[in-house]
Amino acid sequence: MNKFKDLYKLQKQAKDIKKKLQNTHIEAEVEGVTAIVDGQQEIISVSITDEAYTNKKKTESNLVKALNKAIKRSQQLGAEQMKDVMGDMGLGGGLPGM
């Protein structure tokens, strides 16, 4: 029965983390192109300065770089949050079979 309580607790903590990540915004900027994503890798906004518009190809490349940078930070944040929960549950090495 104790394992079921632990599993329920883990599920509740995961839901709490998901909600927290949804409300967390991560910003990344590359040469005048700024991308903001939430902790679930959803794009919140993109902005481009007037100076960055001078070269379309470079601006497009910088947009991809900024988005990838923000998404990577978001993934790292989510992994850290889940690692903390797993550690609290005594599952620091991850789930068996995963």
PDB file of N, CA and C in Angstrom:
ATOM      1  N   MET A   1       0.818  -1.196   0.000  1.00  0.00           N
ATOM      2  CA  MET A   1       0.000   0.000   0.000  1.00  0.00           C
ATOM      3  C   MET A   1       0.859   1.255   0.000  1.00  0.00           C
ATOM      4  N   ASN A   2       2.026   1.194   0.637  1.00  0.00           N
ATOM      5  CA  ASN A   2       2.903   2.343   0.721  1.00  0.00           C
ATOM      6  C   ASN A   2       3.362   2.802  -0.659  1.00  0.00           C
ATOM      7  N   LYS A   3       3.587   1.853  -1.563  1.00  0.00           N
ATOM      8  CA  LYS A   3       4.014   2.196  -2.919  1.00  0.00           C
ATOM      9  C   LYS A   3       2.923   2.973  -3.658  1.00  0.00           C
ATOM     10  N   PHE A   4       1.659   2.635  -3.392  1.00  0.00           N
ATOM     11  CA  PHE A   4       0.571   3.367  -4.018  1.00  0.00           C
ATOM     12  C   PHE A   4       0.526   4.804  -3.509  1.00  0.00           C
ATOM     13  N   LYS A   5       0.766   5.006  -2.231  1.00  0.00           N
ATOM     14  CA  LYS A   5       0.822   6.361  -1.670  1.00  0.00           C
ATOM     15  C   LYS A   5       1.962   7.137  -2.305  1.00  0.00           C
ATOM     16  N   ASP A   6       3.117   6.478  -2.462  1.00  0.00           N
ATOM     17  CA  ASP A   6       4.272   7.127  -3.073  1.00  0.00           C
ATOM     18  C   ASP A   6       3.973   7.503  -4.530  1.00  0.00           C
ATOM     19  N   LEU A   7       3.325   6.590  -5.241  1.00  0.00           N
ATOM     20  CA  LEU A   7       2.982   6.844  -6.635  1.00  0.00           C
ATOM     21  C   LEU A   7       1.992   8.006  -6.738  1.00  0.00           C
ATOM     22  N   TYR A   8       1.005   8.033  -5.869  1.00  0.00           N
ATOM     23  CA  TYR A   8       0.032   9.126  -5.852  1.00  0.00           C
ATOM     24  C   TYR A   8       0.731  10.447  -5.550  1.00  0.00           C
ATOM     25  N   LYS A   9       1.623  10.419  -4.583  1.00  0.00           N
ATOM     26  CA  LYS A   9       2.368  11.626  -4.204  1.00  0.00           C
ATOM     27  C   LYS A   9       3.220  12.110  -5.377  1.00  0.00           C
ATOM     28  N   LEU A  10       3.873  11.188  -6.073  1.00  0.00           N
ATOM     29  CA  LEU A  10       4.697  11.518  -7.227  1.00  0.00           C
ATOM     30  C   LEU A  10       3.834  12.124  -8.330  1.00  0.00           C
ATOM     31  N   GLN A  11       2.672  11.549  -8.572  1.00  0.00           N
ATOM     32  CA  GLN A  11       1.763  12.055  -9.601  1.00  0.00           C
ATOM     33  C   GLN A  11       1.299  13.473  -9.262  1.00  0.00           C
ATOM     34  N   LYS A  12       0.982  13.714  -8.007  1.00  0.00           N
ATOM     35  CA  LYS A  12       0.544  15.037  -7.573  1.00  0.00           C
ATOM     36  C   LYS A  12       1.674  16.045  -7.733  1.00  0.00           C
ATOM     37  N   GLN A  13       2.886  15.662  -7.360  1.00  0.00           N
ATOM     38  CA  GLN A  13       4.028  16.565  -7.495  1.00  0.00           C
ATOM     39  C   GLN A  13       4.301  16.861  -8.967  1.00  0.00           C
ATOM     40  N   ALA A  14       4.154  15.872  -9.825  1.00  0.00           N
ATOM     41  CA  ALA A  14       4.364  16.068 -11.259  1.00  0.00           C
ATOM     42  C   ALA A  14       3.344  17.069 -11.816  1.00  0.00           C
ATOM     43  N   LYS A  15       2.084  16.966 -11.383  1.00  0.00           N
ATOM     44  CA  LYS A  15       1.057  17.915 -11.813  1.00  0.00           C
ATOM     45  C   LYS A  15       1.387  19.324 -11.332  1.00  0.00           C
ATOM     46  N   ASP A  16       1.854  19.432 -10.089  1.00  0.00           N
ATOM     47  CA  ASP A  16       2.231  20.734  -9.539  1.00  0.00           C
ATOM     48  C   ASP A  16       3.387  21.343 -10.329  1.00  0.00           C
ATOM     49  N   ILE A  17       4.355  20.520 -10.687  1.00  0.00           N
ATOM     50  CA  ILE A  17       5.503  20.993 -11.462  1.00  0.00           C
ATOM     51  C   ILE A  17       5.046  21.436 -12.847  1.00  0.00           C
ATOM     52  N   LYS A  18       4.156  20.678 -13.455  1.00  0.00           N
ATOM     53  CA  LYS A  18       3.645  21.024 -14.784  1.00  0.00           C
ATOM     54  C   LYS A  18       2.981  22.405 -14.752  1.00  0.00           C
ATOM     55  N   LYS A  19       2.183  22.640 -13.729  1.00  0.00           N
ATOM     56  CA  LYS A  19       1.507  23.933 -13.593  1.00  0.00           C
ATOM     57  C   LYS A  19       2.534  25.049 -13.375  1.00  0.00           C
ATOM     58  N   LYS A  20       3.524  24.769 -12.537  1.00  0.00           N
ATOM     59  CA  LYS A  20       4.571  25.758 -12.267  1.00  0.00           C
ATOM     60  C   LYS A  20       5.354  26.070 -13.542  1.00  0.00           C
ATOM     61  N   LEU A  21       5.695  25.035 -14.311  1.00  0.00           N
ATOM     62  CA  LEU A  21       6.452  25.232 -15.545  1.00  0.00           C
ATOM     63  C   LEU A  21       5.644  26.020 -16.570  1.00  0.00           C
ATOM     64  N   GLN A  22       4.352  25.796 -16.587  1.00  0.00           N
ATOM     65  CA  GLN A  22       3.488  26.507 -17.517  1.00  0.00           C
ATOM     66  C   GLN A  22       3.516  28.012 -17.231  1.00  0.00           C
ATOM     67  N   ASN A  23       3.715  28.368 -15.981  1.00  0.00           N
ATOM     68  CA  ASN A  23       3.738  29.775 -15.580  1.00  0.00           C
ATOM     69  C   ASN A  23       5.145  30.359 -15.516  1.00  0.00           C
ATOM     70  N   THR A  24       6.143  29.576 -15.924  1.00  0.00           N
ATOM     71  CA  THR A  24       7.524  30.035 -15.935  1.00  0.00           C
ATOM     72  C   THR A  24       7.912  30.404 -17.358  1.00  0.00           C
ATOM     73  N   HIS A  25       8.443  31.599 -17.531  1.00  0.00           N
ATOM     74  CA  HIS A  25       8.850  32.050 -18.862  1.00  0.00           C
ATOM     75  C   HIS A  25      10.363  32.115 -18.945  1.00  0.00           C
ATOM     76  N   ILE A  26      10.897  31.593 -20.039  1.00  0.00           N
ATOM     77  CA  ILE A  26      12.332  31.561 -20.285  1.00  0.00           C
ATOM     78  C   ILE A  26      12.596  32.396 -21.528  1.00  0.00           C
ATOM     79  N   GLU A  27      13.546  33.321 -21.407  1.00  0.00           N
ATOM     80  CA  GLU A  27      13.857  34.222 -22.505  1.00  0.00           C
ATOM     81  C   GLU A  27      15.254  33.935 -23.032  1.00  0.00           C
ATOM     82  N   ALA A  28      15.391  33.989 -24.361  1.00  0.00           N
ATOM     83  CA  ALA A  28      16.700  33.833 -24.994  1.00  0.00           C
ATOM     84  C   ALA A  28      16.806  34.874 -26.097  1.00  0.00           C
ATOM     85  N   GLU A  29      17.992  35.482 -26.216  1.00  0.00           N
ATOM     86  CA  GLU A  29      18.203  36.524 -27.211  1.00  0.00           C
ATOM     87  C   GLU A  29      19.438  36.205 -28.039  1.00  0.00           C
ATOM     88  N   VAL A  30      19.332  36.389 -29.334  1.00  0.00           N
ATOM     89  CA  VAL A  30      20.459  36.212 -30.245  1.00  0.00           C
ATOM     90  C   VAL A  30      20.443  37.385 -31.226  1.00  0.00           C
ATOM     91  N   GLU A  31      21.398  38.269 -31.096  1.00  0.00           N
ATOM     92  CA  GLU A  31      21.591  39.392 -32.021  1.00  0.00           C
ATOM     93  C   GLU A  31      20.303  40.126 -32.379  1.00  0.00           C
ATOM     94  N   GLY A  32      19.575  40.570 -31.367  1.00  0.00           N
ATOM     95  CA  GLY A  32      18.369  41.353 -31.601  1.00  0.00           C
ATOM     96  C   GLY A  32      17.091  40.565 -31.785  1.00  0.00           C
ATOM     97  N   VAL A  33      17.196  39.262 -31.771  1.00  0.00           N
ATOM     98  CA  VAL A  33      16.015  38.407 -31.869  1.00  0.00           C
ATOM     99  C   VAL A  33      15.793  37.762 -30.502  1.00  0.00           C
ATOM    100  N   THR A  34      14.617  37.997 -29.927  1.00  0.00           N
ATOM    101  CA  THR A  34      14.309  37.480 -28.604  1.00  0.00           C
ATOM    102  C   THR A  34      13.129  36.521 -28.682  1.00  0.00           C
ATOM    103  N   ALA A  35      13.307  35.366 -28.052  1.00  0.00           N
ATOM    104  CA  ALA A  35      12.242  34.368 -27.995  1.00  0.00           C
ATOM    105  C   ALA A  35      11.921  34.091 -26.532  1.00  0.00           C
ATOM    106  N   ILE A  36      10.650  33.978 -26.230  1.00  0.00           N
ATOM    107  CA  ILE A  36      10.207  33.636 -24.881  1.00  0.00           C
ATOM    108  C   ILE A  36       9.334  32.393 -24.988  1.00  0.00           C
ATOM    109  N   VAL A  37       9.674  31.367 -24.205  1.00  0.00           N
ATOM    110  CA  VAL A  37       8.887  30.143 -24.140  1.00  0.00           C
ATOM    111  C   VAL A  37       8.534  29.882 -22.680  1.00  0.00           C
ATOM    112  N   ASP A  38       7.513  29.068 -22.465  1.00  0.00           N
ATOM    113  CA  ASP A  38       7.205  28.690 -21.093  1.00  0.00           C
ATOM    114  C   ASP A  38       7.930  27.390 -20.761  1.00  0.00           C
ATOM    115  N   GLY A  39       7.784  26.943 -19.541  1.00  0.00           N
ATOM    116  CA  GLY A  39       8.470  25.746 -19.076  1.00  0.00           C
ATOM    117  C   GLY A  39       8.009  24.462 -19.737  1.00  0.00           C
ATOM    118  N   GLN A  40       6.992  24.548 -20.575  1.00  0.00           N
ATOM    119  CA  GLN A  40       6.517  23.371 -21.308  1.00  0.00           C
ATOM    120  C   GLN A  40       6.845  23.476 -22.791  1.00  0.00           C
ATOM    121  N   GLN A  41       7.789  24.331 -23.115  1.00  0.00           N
ATOM    122  CA  GLN A  41       8.278  24.550 -24.470  1.00  0.00           C
ATOM    123  C   GLN A  41       7.250  25.150 -25.421  1.00  0.00           C
ATOM    124  N   GLU A  42       6.264  25.837 -24.889  1.00  0.00           N
ATOM    125  CA  GLU A  42       5.303  26.551 -25.725  1.00  0.00           C
ATOM    126  C   GLU A  42       5.850  27.956 -25.969  1.00  0.00           C
ATOM    127  N   ILE A  43       5.825  28.405 -27.224  1.00  0.00           N
ATOM    128  CA  ILE A  43       6.323  29.738 -27.554  1.00  0.00           C
ATOM    129  C   ILE A  43       5.323  30.772 -27.055  1.00  0.00           C
ATOM    130  N   ILE A  44       5.832  31.718 -26.266  1.00  0.00           N
ATOM    131  CA  ILE A  44       4.997  32.790 -25.722  1.00  0.00           C
ATOM    132  C   ILE A  44       5.056  34.002 -26.645  1.00  0.00           C
ATOM    133  N   SER A  45       6.286  34.388 -27.023  1.00  0.00           N
ATOM    134  CA  SER A  45       6.430  35.531 -27.921  1.00  0.00           C
ATOM    135  C   SER A  45       7.794  35.528 -28.596  1.00  0.00           C
ATOM    136  N   VAL A  46       7.852  36.280 -29.679  1.00  0.00           N
ATOM    137  CA  VAL A  46       9.087  36.489 -30.423  1.00  0.00           C
ATOM    138  C   VAL A  46       9.136  37.973 -30.763  1.00  0.00           C
ATOM    139  N   SER A  47      10.294  38.589 -30.560  1.00  0.00           N
ATOM    140  CA  SER A  47      10.446  39.988 -30.962  1.00  0.00           C
ATOM    141  C   SER A  47      11.766  40.157 -31.696  1.00  0.00           C
ATOM    142  N   ILE A  48      11.752  41.093 -32.634  1.00  0.00           N
ATOM    143  CA  ILE A  48      12.924  41.353 -33.455  1.00  0.00           C
ATOM    144  C   ILE A  48      13.143  42.867 -33.484  1.00  0.00           C
ATOM    145  N   THR A  49      14.349  43.294 -33.127  1.00  0.00           N
ATOM    146  CA  THR A  49      14.649  44.724 -33.148  1.00  0.00           C
ATOM    147  C   THR A  49      14.754  45.208 -34.595  1.00  0.00           C
ATOM    148  N   ASP A  50      14.599  46.508 -34.780  1.00  0.00           N
ATOM    149  CA  ASP A  50      14.711  47.084 -36.117  1.00  0.00           C
ATOM    150  C   ASP A  50      16.084  46.801 -36.723  1.00  0.00           C
ATOM    151  N   GLU A  51      17.130  46.852 -35.897  1.00  0.00           N
ATOM    152  CA  GLU A  51      18.489  46.603 -36.383  1.00  0.00           C
ATOM    153  C   GLU A  51      18.649  45.174 -36.905  1.00  0.00           C
ATOM    154  N   ALA A  52      17.930  44.242 -36.319  1.00  0.00           N
ATOM    155  CA  ALA A  52      18.045  42.832 -36.724  1.00  0.00           C
ATOM    156  C   ALA A  52      17.381  42.565 -38.071  1.00  0.00           C
ATOM    157  N   TYR A  53      16.534  43.476 -38.544  1.00  0.00           N
ATOM    158  CA  TYR A  53      15.825  43.277 -39.807  1.00  0.00           C
ATOM    159  C   TYR A  53      16.695  43.524 -41.044  1.00  0.00           C
ATOM    160  N   THR A  54      17.916  43.977 -40.862  1.00  0.00           N
ATOM    161  CA  THR A  54      18.731  44.378 -42.013  1.00  0.00           C
ATOM    162  C   THR A  54      19.085  43.228 -42.941  1.00  0.00           C
ATOM    163  N   ASN A  55      19.143  42.011 -42.418  1.00  0.00           N
ATOM    164  CA  ASN A  55      19.513  40.860 -43.238  1.00  0.00           C
ATOM    165  C   ASN A  55      18.518  39.740 -42.961  1.00  0.00           C
ATOM    166  N   LYS A  56      17.625  39.500 -43.916  1.00  0.00           N
ATOM    167  CA  LYS A  56      16.542  38.528 -43.719  1.00  0.00           C
ATOM    168  C   LYS A  56      17.074  37.141 -43.377  1.00  0.00           C
ATOM    169  N   LYS A  57      18.056  36.652 -44.125  1.00  0.00           N
ATOM    170  CA  LYS A  57      18.581  35.303 -43.913  1.00  0.00           C
ATOM    171  C   LYS A  57      19.203  35.176 -42.511  1.00  0.00           C
ATOM    172  N   LYS A  58      19.949  36.191 -42.108  1.00  0.00           N
ATOM    173  CA  LYS A  58      20.579  36.174 -40.789  1.00  0.00           C
ATOM    174  C   LYS A  58      19.520  36.260 -39.683  1.00  0.00           C
ATOM    175  N   THR A  59      18.498  37.068 -39.913  1.00  0.00           N
ATOM    176  CA  THR A  59      17.414  37.188 -38.939  1.00  0.00           C
ATOM    177  C   THR A  59      16.701  35.855 -38.769  1.00  0.00           C
ATOM    178  N   GLU A  60      16.426  35.170 -39.866  1.00  0.00           N
ATOM    179  CA  GLU A  60      15.774  33.856 -39.792  1.00  0.00           C
ATOM    180  C   GLU A  60      16.640  32.864 -39.027  1.00  0.00           C
ATOM    181  N   SER A  61      17.940  32.887 -39.302  1.00  0.00           N
ATOM    182  CA  SER A  61      18.879  32.001 -38.599  1.00  0.00           C
ATOM    183  C   SER A  61      18.912  32.318 -37.110  1.00  0.00           C
ATOM    184  N   ASN A  62      18.941  33.607 -36.777  1.00  0.00           N
ATOM    185  CA  ASN A  62      18.964  34.011 -35.371  1.00  0.00           C
ATOM    186  C   ASN A  62      17.663  33.661 -34.659  1.00  0.00           C
ATOM    187  N   LEU A  63      16.561  33.695 -35.381  1.00  0.00           N
ATOM    188  CA  LEU A  63      15.272  33.305 -34.797  1.00  0.00           C
ATOM    189  C   LEU A  63      15.297  31.828 -34.410  1.00  0.00           C
ATOM    190  N   VAL A  64      15.789  30.995 -35.299  1.00  0.00           N
ATOM    191  CA  VAL A  64      15.898  29.566 -35.004  1.00  0.00           C
ATOM    192  C   VAL A  64      16.823  29.356 -33.797  1.00  0.00           C
ATOM    193  N   LYS A  65      17.958  30.051 -33.774  1.00  0.00           N
ATOM    194  CA  LYS A  65      18.909  29.922 -32.661  1.00  0.00           C
ATOM    195  C   LYS A  65      18.275  30.353 -31.344  1.00  0.00           C
ATOM    196  N   ALA A  66      17.563  31.479 -31.349  1.00  0.00           N
ATOM    197  CA  ALA A  66      16.937  31.980 -30.121  1.00  0.00           C
ATOM    198  C   ALA A  66      15.866  31.017 -29.618  1.00  0.00           C
ATOM    199  N   LEU A  67      15.049  30.502 -30.529  1.00  0.00           N
ATOM    200  CA  LEU A  67      14.011  29.548 -30.128  1.00  0.00           C
ATOM    201  C   LEU A  67      14.627  28.273 -29.565  1.00  0.00           C
ATOM    202  N   ASN A  68      15.633  27.742 -30.245  1.00  0.00           N
ATOM    203  CA  ASN A  68      16.290  26.526 -29.753  1.00  0.00           C
ATOM    204  C   ASN A  68      16.937  26.749 -28.394  1.00  0.00           C
ATOM    205  N   LYS A  69      17.547  27.901 -28.210  1.00  0.00           N
ATOM    206  CA  LYS A  69      18.200  28.233 -26.944  1.00  0.00           C
ATOM    207  C   LYS A  69      17.164  28.298 -25.807  1.00  0.00           C
ATOM    208  N   ALA A  70      16.042  28.955 -26.067  1.00  0.00           N
ATOM    209  CA  ALA A  70      14.991  29.072 -25.048  1.00  0.00           C
ATOM    210  C   ALA A  70      14.378  27.713 -24.730  1.00  0.00           C
ATOM    211  N   ILE A  71      14.129  26.909 -25.762  1.00  0.00           N
ATOM    212  CA  ILE A  71      13.539  25.589 -25.546  1.00  0.00           C
ATOM    213  C   ILE A  71      14.499  24.696 -24.767  1.00  0.00           C
ATOM    214  N   LYS A  72      15.776  24.761 -25.083  1.00  0.00           N
ATOM    215  CA  LYS A  72      16.757  23.948 -24.365  1.00  0.00           C
ATOM    216  C   LYS A  72      16.795  24.333 -22.884  1.00  0.00           C
ATOM    217  N   ARG A  73      16.777  25.630 -22.603  1.00  0.00           N
ATOM    218  CA  ARG A  73      16.750  26.085 -21.199  1.00  0.00           C
ATOM    219  C   ARG A  73      15.487  25.598 -20.498  1.00  0.00           C
ATOM    220  N   SER A  74      14.374  25.632 -21.225  1.00  0.00           N
ATOM    221  CA  SER A  74      13.105  25.169 -20.673  1.00  0.00           C
ATOM    222  C   SER A  74      13.168  23.681 -20.338  1.00  0.00           C
ATOM    223  N   GLN A  75      13.749  22.903 -21.236  1.00  0.00           N
ATOM    224  CA  GLN A  75      13.893  21.463 -20.996  1.00  0.00           C
ATOM    225  C   GLN A  75      14.787  21.197 -19.787  1.00  0.00           C
ATOM    226  N   GLN A  76      15.870  21.965 -19.659  1.00  0.00           N
ATOM    227  CA  GLN A  76      16.776  21.798 -18.527  1.00  0.00           C
ATOM    228  C   GLN A  76      16.057  22.124 -17.219  1.00  0.00           C
ATOM    229  N   LEU A  77      15.259  23.186 -17.237  1.00  0.00           N
ATOM    230  CA  LEU A  77      14.505  23.574 -16.049  1.00  0.00           C
ATOM    231  C   LEU A  77      13.531  22.470 -15.648  1.00  0.00           C
ATOM    232  N   GLY A  78      12.811  21.917 -16.615  1.00  0.00           N
ATOM    233  CA  GLY A  78      11.868  20.835 -16.337  1.00  0.00           C
ATOM    234  C   GLY A  78      12.574  19.600 -15.797  1.00  0.00           C
ATOM    235  N   ALA A  79      13.728  19.280 -16.371  1.00  0.00           N
ATOM    236  CA  ALA A  79      14.489  18.112 -15.915  1.00  0.00           C
ATOM    237  C   ALA A  79      14.975  18.313 -14.484  1.00  0.00           C
ATOM    238  N   GLU A  80      15.417  19.514 -14.172  1.00  0.00           N
ATOM    239  CA  GLU A  80      15.866  19.804 -12.799  1.00  0.00           C
ATOM    240  C   GLU A  80      14.721  19.660 -11.811  1.00  0.00           C
ATOM    241  N   GLN A  81      13.557  20.172 -12.193  1.00  0.00           N
ATOM    242  CA  GLN A  81      12.391  20.089 -11.312  1.00  0.00           C
ATOM    243  C   GLN A  81      12.024  18.626 -11.056  1.00  0.00           C
ATOM    244  N   MET A  82      11.994  17.813 -12.102  1.00  0.00           N
ATOM    245  CA  MET A  82      11.637  16.407 -11.944  1.00  0.00           C
ATOM    246  C   MET A  82      12.722  15.637 -11.198  1.00  0.00           C
ATOM    247  N   LYS A  83      13.971  16.007 -11.399  1.00  0.00           N
ATOM    248  CA  LYS A  83      15.069  15.353 -10.694  1.00  0.00           C
ATOM    249  C   LYS A  83      14.917  15.568  -9.185  1.00  0.00           C
ATOM    250  N   ASP A  84      14.533  16.779  -8.795  1.00  0.00           N
ATOM    251  CA  ASP A  84      14.313  17.074  -7.378  1.00  0.00           C
ATOM    252  C   ASP A  84      13.200  16.202  -6.803  1.00  0.00           C
ATOM    253  N   VAL A  85      12.113  16.056  -7.558  1.00  0.00           N
ATOM    254  CA  VAL A  85      10.990  15.229  -7.098  1.00  0.00           C
ATOM    255  C   VAL A  85      11.426  13.773  -6.990  1.00  0.00           C
ATOM    256  N   MET A  86      12.135  13.287  -8.005  1.00  0.00           N
ATOM    257  CA  MET A  86      12.587  11.890  -7.993  1.00  0.00           C
ATOM    258  C   MET A  86      13.531  11.653  -6.817  1.00  0.00           C
ATOM    259  N   GLY A  87      14.396  12.621  -6.544  1.00  0.00           N
ATOM    260  CA  GLY A  87      15.300  12.496  -5.414  1.00  0.00           C
ATOM    261  C   GLY A  87      14.543  12.444  -4.096  1.00  0.00           C
ATOM    262  N   ASP A  88      13.507  13.282  -3.975  1.00  0.00           N
ATOM    263  CA  ASP A  88      12.674  13.287  -2.763  1.00  0.00           C
ATOM    264  C   ASP A  88      11.971  11.956  -2.556  1.00  0.00           C
ATOM    265  N   MET A  89      11.673  11.274  -3.661  1.00  0.00           N
ATOM    266  CA  MET A  89      10.966  10.006  -3.574  1.00  0.00           C
ATOM    267  C   MET A  89      11.933   8.822  -3.454  1.00  0.00           C
ATOM    268  N   GLY A  90      13.241   9.122  -3.428  1.00  0.00           N
ATOM    269  CA  GLY A  90      14.220   8.042  -3.342  1.00  0.00           C
ATOM    270  C   GLY A  90      14.442   7.363  -4.678  1.00  0.00           C
ATOM    271  N   LEU A  91      14.135   8.057  -5.764  1.00  0.00           N
ATOM    272  CA  LEU A  91      14.293   7.497  -7.087  1.00  0.00           C
ATOM    273  C   LEU A  91      15.366   8.280  -7.858  1.00  0.00           C
ATOM    274  N   GLY A  92      16.406   8.673  -7.161  1.00  0.00           N
ATOM    275  CA  GLY A  92      17.459   9.489  -7.755  1.00  0.00           C
ATOM    276  C   GLY A  92      18.036   8.919  -9.020  1.00  0.00           C
ATOM    277  N   GLY A  93      18.051   7.616  -9.164  1.00  0.00           N
ATOM    278  CA  GLY A  93      18.580   6.983 -10.373  1.00  0.00           C
ATOM    279  C   GLY A  93      17.553   6.878 -11.479  1.00  0.00           C
ATOM    280  N   GLY A  94      16.366   7.417 -11.263  1.00  0.00           N
ATOM    281  CA  GLY A  94      15.321   7.308 -12.274  1.00  0.00           C
ATOM    282  C   GLY A  94      14.425   6.123 -11.988  1.00  0.00           C
ATOM    283  N   LEU A  95      13.473   5.913 -12.819  1.00  0.00           N
ATOM    284  CA  LEU A  95      12.534   4.804 -12.657  1.00  0.00           C
ATOM    285  C   LEU A  95      13.146   3.522 -13.232  1.00  0.00           C
ATOM    286  N   PRO A  96      12.973   2.428 -12.570  1.00  0.00           N
ATOM    287  CA  PRO A  96      13.484   1.172 -13.112  1.00  0.00           C
ATOM    288  C   PRO A  96      12.890   0.873 -14.476  1.00  0.00           C
ATOM    289  N   GLY A  97      13.729   0.391 -15.374  1.00  0.00           N
ATOM    290  CA  GLY A  97      13.255   0.032 -16.706  1.00  0.00           C
ATOM    291  C   GLY A  97      13.123   1.198 -17.642  1.00  0.00           C
ATOM    292  N   MET A  98      13.476   2.404 -17.225  1.00  0.00           N
ATOM    293  CA  MET A  98      13.354   3.573 -18.092  1.00  0.00           C
ATOM    294  C   MET A  98      14.717   3.985 -18.590  1.00  0.00           C
TER     295      MET A  98
END
